[in-house]
């Protein structure tokens, strides 16, 4: 299976390595350890800001708010980044914000500090996703179009490996806290949050040392905000005139509601709905990470053979099956653990594929421009708004069905069906312009 160059440039390797640095957040904080710790450290019902919430619903809502904040500020910041040519500076700011917030979660001890946990987890989410806006915008700048699929897959693969390595260490620490001089599993979990912050900020230095510096107009300090909005307005007019971008972003919005919600809420679903222990859940997440490495490269290869949209459609169909399968799982079934492991393997196969391929497909659709951060801001805002709606609907379903998460899982299948229909229309009717893409090879 040969679909990439045997050698990457220093900047390309440095770019891909940021996935190694930041993926520990998405794995340990967003997916594995912190959600389980939050659910265990808080009562089932929490009074927060004068209202009563189920603890899992409150966590879901807090994620929605953090993504809404990122969606609100990233277009402006990306416009400023293009205006000043300083993508790296903005990327550093959000990286350090996220890393420091992860480290501070080590001080979350239970219900009495739940407000602190919500705030810190929100800031960590803002830091992570804010840095990703500028990270993604580097892809069309540092690599030719025929490398986007493979380089994007390489970044995700390194991220899965790095995240899995730290998670394995944290899992050992949680299972055997006395070996590390810690009181119990709770204390080990809190230390694991601190290790995420240290890992993220430390390994990011490799990326920052290798990515190119300022590139753009390098204008003066006056009129930043106004010029940033003007730039975004110009980019928006270009997107409106490109039907293939409109339909792709719509399809991306629909499947992101499902994909990101599954990733963020899977461990809570396993612990609360299926009654699985923390060690089994983390083992499943590790299975997902290692399978996802193969999945990212598999779908990069499929894009060469079938085309990007066709490969994305295959991934969306599988994701729809995952959502339905989660709904059908019965905690009383003696084989539920094995079913969860198998489902985790399937998730891993398509998780790496759909995330990597979506990013590279969009990068191929863009016109020749220096405004890469502004164009990618619309991509990232689409994803963040999708997560807002996905996690919000998931939380509402939990509230409506009084803690039953099965109906919420079934709701996610609807999002994948809608996305499949939109991509089918894009593939058959919209006919992307050759100036930007073709249906096979480049797209």
Foldseek 3Di string as FASTA:
>chain_A
DDQADPDDDLLLVLLLLLLLQQLLCLQLPQFAQNVVLQLVQEDQWAQDPNDIAGSLLVLLLLLLVLLVVLLVCLLLVLLLCQAQLALLVQLLVLLLQLLVLLLVLLPDRHNVCVVSVSVSSSSNSNSSLSNVLSSLLCQVVRDPLSRQLVSLLSSLLSNLVSNLVLLVVLLVCLVCVVVVVDDHNSNSSSVSSNVSSVSNNVSNVSSSVRHDGGDHDNDDDPPSSVSSVVVLVVVVVVQVVFVLSVLLLLLVLLLLLQLVLCRRCVLVCCCQVQVDDSSLSSVLSNLLSNLLSVLSVVLSVVCQVPNLLVSLLVLLVLSLVLLVLSLPQDSVDPCSSVSSSVSSSSSSNSSNNNVSSSSSLQSLQDADDSSSSSSSSSSSSSSSVSSSVSSNLQSVVCVVVVNNNSVSSNVSSVSSVVSSVSSVCSLPPSQGDVNRAHRGSSD
